[in-house]
Amino acid sequence: MNNSQLYLSIGIPSILIVLAWISNRSDVIALRAEMVQLRKDMAAYMTQLRKDIHNDMTQLRDSIHRDMISLHERVAIVETRQLPS
């Protein structure tokens, strides 16, 4: 085995290993970027969901308040009709 064969037998696998490492590294970087974007999207979704829930709860509270006022008014009317003359 001469020197060029030795260099090729060591060099080619080494180059392939380095190329595979670089390729995997770029995949990891791309995956990390996707994860960062996913976190941003989820944060925006959760913020919007909180706002929607808050609005729904406010509307429900207002509706219950209106119903209670209406009920109190009806009870007052019934009570005034039942008072002895």
N, C-alpha and C. Protein backbone atom coordinates (compact mmCIF):
# COMPACT_ATOMS: atom_id res chain seq x y z
N MET A 1 0.86 -1.16 0.00
CA MET A 1 0.00 0.00 0.00
C MET A 1 0.90 1.22 0.00
N ASN A 2 0.70 2.08 -0.98
CA ASN A 2 1.52 3.29 -1.02
C ASN A 2 0.83 4.42 -0.27
N ASN A 3 1.49 5.54 -0.19
CA ASN A 3 1.00 6.65 0.60
C ASN A 3 -0.34 7.21 0.08
N SER A 4 -0.51 7.27 -1.23
CA SER A 4 -1.76 7.83 -1.77
C SER A 4 -2.94 6.93 -1.40
N GLN A 5 -2.75 5.63 -1.41
CA GLN A 5 -3.83 4.72 -1.01
C GLN A 5 -4.17 4.90 0.48
N LEU A 6 -3.17 5.08 1.28
CA LEU A 6 -3.38 5.30 2.70
C LEU A 6 -4.14 6.61 2.95
N TYR A 7 -3.73 7.66 2.24
CA TYR A 7 -4.40 8.94 2.39
C TYR A 7 -5.86 8.86 1.95
N LEU A 8 -6.11 8.16 0.84
CA LEU A 8 -7.49 8.01 0.37
C LEU A 8 -8.32 7.16 1.33
N SER A 9 -7.73 6.11 1.87
CA SER A 9 -8.48 5.23 2.77
C SER A 9 -8.81 5.93 4.09
N ILE A 10 -8.02 6.89 4.47
CA ILE A 10 -8.31 7.67 5.69
C ILE A 10 -9.09 8.93 5.34
N GLY A 11 -8.75 9.57 4.24
CA GLY A 11 -9.33 10.87 3.89
C GLY A 11 -10.77 10.81 3.45
N ILE A 12 -11.12 9.84 2.61
CA ILE A 12 -12.49 9.78 2.08
C ILE A 12 -13.50 9.54 3.21
N PRO A 13 -13.30 8.55 4.09
CA PRO A 13 -14.26 8.41 5.19
C PRO A 13 -14.29 9.64 6.11
N SER A 14 -13.15 10.26 6.31
CA SER A 14 -13.12 11.46 7.16
C SER A 14 -13.93 12.58 6.53
N ILE A 15 -13.78 12.78 5.23
CA ILE A 15 -14.54 13.82 4.53
C ILE A 15 -16.03 13.51 4.58
N LEU A 16 -16.40 12.24 4.41
CA LEU A 16 -17.81 11.86 4.47
C LEU A 16 -18.38 12.10 5.88
N ILE A 17 -17.60 11.82 6.89
CA ILE A 17 -18.05 12.06 8.26
C ILE A 17 -18.26 13.55 8.49
N VAL A 18 -17.33 14.37 8.03
CA VAL A 18 -17.46 15.82 8.20
C VAL A 18 -18.67 16.34 7.42
N LEU A 19 -18.88 15.86 6.20
CA LEU A 19 -20.04 16.29 5.42
C LEU A 19 -21.34 15.87 6.08
N ALA A 20 -21.39 14.66 6.62
CA ALA A 20 -22.59 14.21 7.32
C ALA A 20 -22.84 15.06 8.56
N TRP A 21 -21.78 15.40 9.28
CA TRP A 21 -21.91 16.24 10.47
C TRP A 21 -22.44 17.63 10.10
N ILE A 22 -21.91 18.20 9.02
CA ILE A 22 -22.37 19.53 8.57
C ILE A 22 -23.84 19.46 8.14
N SER A 23 -24.20 18.39 7.43
CA SER A 23 -25.58 18.22 7.00
C SER A 23 -26.52 18.10 8.20
N ASN A 24 -26.14 17.30 9.17
CA ASN A 24 -26.96 17.14 10.37
C ASN A 24 -27.04 18.45 11.15
N ARG A 25 -25.96 19.16 11.17
CA ARG A 25 -25.93 20.44 11.88
C ARG A 25 -26.93 21.42 11.27
N SER A 26 -26.98 21.47 9.94
CA SER A 26 -27.93 22.37 9.29
C SER A 26 -29.37 21.92 9.54
N ASP A 27 -29.61 20.61 9.62
CA ASP A 27 -30.94 20.11 9.95
C ASP A 27 -31.34 20.52 11.37
N VAL A 28 -30.40 20.45 12.28
CA VAL A 28 -30.66 20.83 13.66
C VAL A 28 -30.97 22.33 13.74
N ILE A 29 -30.23 23.12 13.00
CA ILE A 29 -30.47 24.56 12.98
C ILE A 29 -31.86 24.87 12.41
N ALA A 30 -32.23 24.18 11.33
CA ALA A 30 -33.55 24.39 10.73
C ALA A 30 -34.65 23.95 11.70
N LEU A 31 -34.43 22.83 12.37
CA LEU A 31 -35.41 22.35 13.35
C LEU A 31 -35.55 23.33 14.51
N ARG A 32 -34.45 23.87 14.96
CA ARG A 32 -34.49 24.85 16.04
C ARG A 32 -35.27 26.10 15.60
N ALA A 33 -35.07 26.54 14.37
CA ALA A 33 -35.81 27.71 13.87
C ALA A 33 -37.31 27.42 13.81
N GLU A 34 -37.67 26.21 13.40
CA GLU A 34 -39.08 25.83 13.37
C GLU A 34 -39.66 25.79 14.78
N MET A 35 -38.90 25.32 15.74
CA MET A 35 -39.37 25.27 17.12
C MET A 35 -39.58 26.67 17.68
N VAL A 36 -38.68 27.58 17.35
CA VAL A 36 -38.83 28.98 17.80
C VAL A 36 -40.10 29.57 17.22
N GLN A 37 -40.34 29.33 15.93
CA GLN A 37 -41.55 29.84 15.29
C GLN A 37 -42.80 29.21 15.90
N LEU A 38 -42.73 27.93 16.21
CA LEU A 38 -43.86 27.25 16.83
C LEU A 38 -44.17 27.84 18.21
N ARG A 39 -43.13 28.14 18.97
CA ARG A 39 -43.33 28.78 20.28
C ARG A 39 -44.01 30.14 20.12
N LYS A 40 -43.57 30.93 19.14
CA LYS A 40 -44.18 32.24 18.90
C LYS A 40 -45.65 32.09 18.52
N ASP A 41 -45.93 31.13 17.63
CA ASP A 41 -47.31 30.90 17.20
C ASP A 41 -48.19 30.46 18.37
N MET A 42 -47.66 29.57 19.21
CA MET A 42 -48.43 29.10 20.36
C MET A 42 -48.66 30.22 21.37
N ALA A 43 -47.67 31.07 21.57
CA ALA A 43 -47.84 32.20 22.48
C ALA A 43 -48.91 33.15 21.96
N ALA A 44 -48.90 33.42 20.66
CA ALA A 44 -49.92 34.29 20.07
C ALA A 44 -51.30 33.65 20.18
N TYR A 45 -51.37 32.34 19.95
CA TYR A 45 -52.64 31.63 20.06
C TYR A 45 -53.17 31.68 21.49
N MET A 46 -52.31 31.45 22.46
CA MET A 46 -52.73 31.47 23.86
C MET A 46 -53.17 32.87 24.28
N THR A 47 -52.49 33.90 23.81
CA THR A 47 -52.88 35.27 24.11
C THR A 47 -54.27 35.56 23.54
N GLN A 48 -54.51 35.17 22.31
CA GLN A 48 -55.82 35.38 21.69
C GLN A 48 -56.88 34.57 22.42
N LEU A 49 -56.57 33.36 22.81
CA LEU A 49 -57.51 32.52 23.53
C LEU A 49 -57.89 33.15 24.87
N ARG A 50 -56.90 33.68 25.58
CA ARG A 50 -57.19 34.36 26.84
C ARG A 50 -58.11 35.57 26.63
N LYS A 51 -57.85 36.34 25.57
CA LYS A 51 -58.70 37.49 25.27
C LYS A 51 -60.12 37.04 24.96
N ASP A 52 -60.26 35.99 24.16
CA ASP A 52 -61.58 35.48 23.80
C ASP A 52 -62.33 34.99 25.03
N ILE A 53 -61.64 34.25 25.89
CA ILE A 53 -62.28 33.74 27.11
C ILE A 53 -62.69 34.91 28.01
N HIS A 54 -61.83 35.90 28.12
CA HIS A 54 -62.16 37.07 28.95
C HIS A 54 -63.40 37.77 28.40
N ASN A 55 -63.46 37.95 27.08
CA ASN A 55 -64.62 38.60 26.47
C ASN A 55 -65.89 37.78 26.69
N ASP A 56 -65.78 36.45 26.52
CA ASP A 56 -66.94 35.59 26.73
C ASP A 56 -67.42 35.65 28.17
N MET A 57 -66.49 35.64 29.11
CA MET A 57 -66.86 35.69 30.52
C MET A 57 -67.49 37.05 30.86
N THR A 58 -66.99 38.12 30.27
CA THR A 58 -67.57 39.45 30.50
C THR A 58 -69.00 39.49 29.97
N GLN A 59 -69.21 38.95 28.78
CA GLN A 59 -70.56 38.92 28.21
C GLN A 59 -71.49 38.06 29.06
N LEU A 60 -70.99 36.94 29.55
CA LEU A 60 -71.81 36.08 30.40
C LEU A 60 -72.16 36.78 31.71
N ARG A 61 -71.19 37.45 32.32
CA ARG A 61 -71.44 38.19 33.55
C ARG A 61 -72.48 39.29 33.33
N ASP A 62 -72.35 40.02 32.23
CA ASP A 62 -73.31 41.09 31.93
C ASP A 62 -74.71 40.51 31.69
N SER A 63 -74.78 39.39 31.01
CA SER A 63 -76.07 38.74 30.75
C SER A 63 -76.71 38.28 32.06
N ILE A 64 -75.94 37.68 32.94
CA ILE A 64 -76.47 37.25 34.23
C ILE A 64 -76.92 38.45 35.05
N HIS A 65 -76.16 39.52 35.00
CA HIS A 65 -76.52 40.74 35.73
C HIS A 65 -77.86 41.29 35.22
N ARG A 66 -78.02 41.35 33.91
CA ARG A 66 -79.30 41.83 33.34
C ARG A 66 -80.46 40.92 33.75
N ASP A 67 -80.23 39.60 33.73
CA ASP A 67 -81.28 38.66 34.12
C ASP A 67 -81.66 38.84 35.59
N MET A 68 -80.67 39.06 36.43
CA MET A 68 -80.94 39.25 37.86
C MET A 68 -81.73 40.54 38.10
N ILE A 69 -81.38 41.59 37.40
CA ILE A 69 -82.11 42.85 37.54
C ILE A 69 -83.56 42.66 37.10
N SER A 70 -83.73 41.96 35.97
CA SER A 70 -85.08 41.70 35.47
C SER A 70 -85.87 40.86 36.48
N LEU A 71 -85.23 39.86 37.06
CA LEU A 71 -85.89 39.02 38.06
C LEU A 71 -86.29 39.83 39.29
N HIS A 72 -85.40 40.70 39.74
CA HIS A 72 -85.72 41.55 40.89
C HIS A 72 -86.89 42.47 40.58
N GLU A 73 -86.93 43.01 39.38
CA GLU A 73 -88.04 43.88 39.00
C GLU A 73 -89.35 43.10 38.98
N ARG A 74 -89.35 41.88 38.47
CA ARG A 74 -90.56 41.07 38.43
C ARG A 74 -91.03 40.72 39.84
N VAL A 75 -90.06 40.37 40.69
CA VAL A 75 -90.41 40.05 42.08
C VAL A 75 -91.02 41.28 42.75
N ALA A 76 -90.47 42.44 42.50
CA ALA A 76 -91.01 43.67 43.10
C ALA A 76 -92.43 43.92 42.63
N ILE A 77 -92.71 43.68 41.36
CA ILE A 77 -94.06 43.87 40.83
C ILE A 77 -95.02 42.90 41.49
N VAL A 78 -94.61 41.64 41.59
CA VAL A 78 -95.48 40.63 42.22
C VAL A 78 -95.72 40.99 43.68
N GLU A 79 -94.71 41.44 44.39
CA GLU A 79 -94.87 41.80 45.79
C GLU A 79 -95.81 42.98 45.97
N THR A 80 -95.75 43.95 45.08
CA THR A 80 -96.65 45.10 45.21
C THR A 80 -98.10 44.69 44.94
N ARG A 81 -98.32 43.70 44.10
CA ARG A 81 -99.67 43.23 43.83
C ARG A 81 -100.24 42.45 45.03
N GLN A 82 -99.34 41.84 45.81
CA GLN A 82 -99.80 41.02 46.93
C GLN A 82 -99.98 41.80 48.22
N LEU A 83 -99.61 43.05 48.23
CA LEU A 83 -99.78 43.85 49.45
C LEU A 83 -101.28 44.04 49.71
N PRO A 84 -101.66 43.96 50.98
CA PRO A 84 -103.09 44.16 51.29
C PRO A 84 -103.49 45.61 51.05
N SER A 85 -104.63 45.78 50.51
CA SER A 85 -105.13 47.12 50.21
C SER A 85 -105.69 47.81 51.40
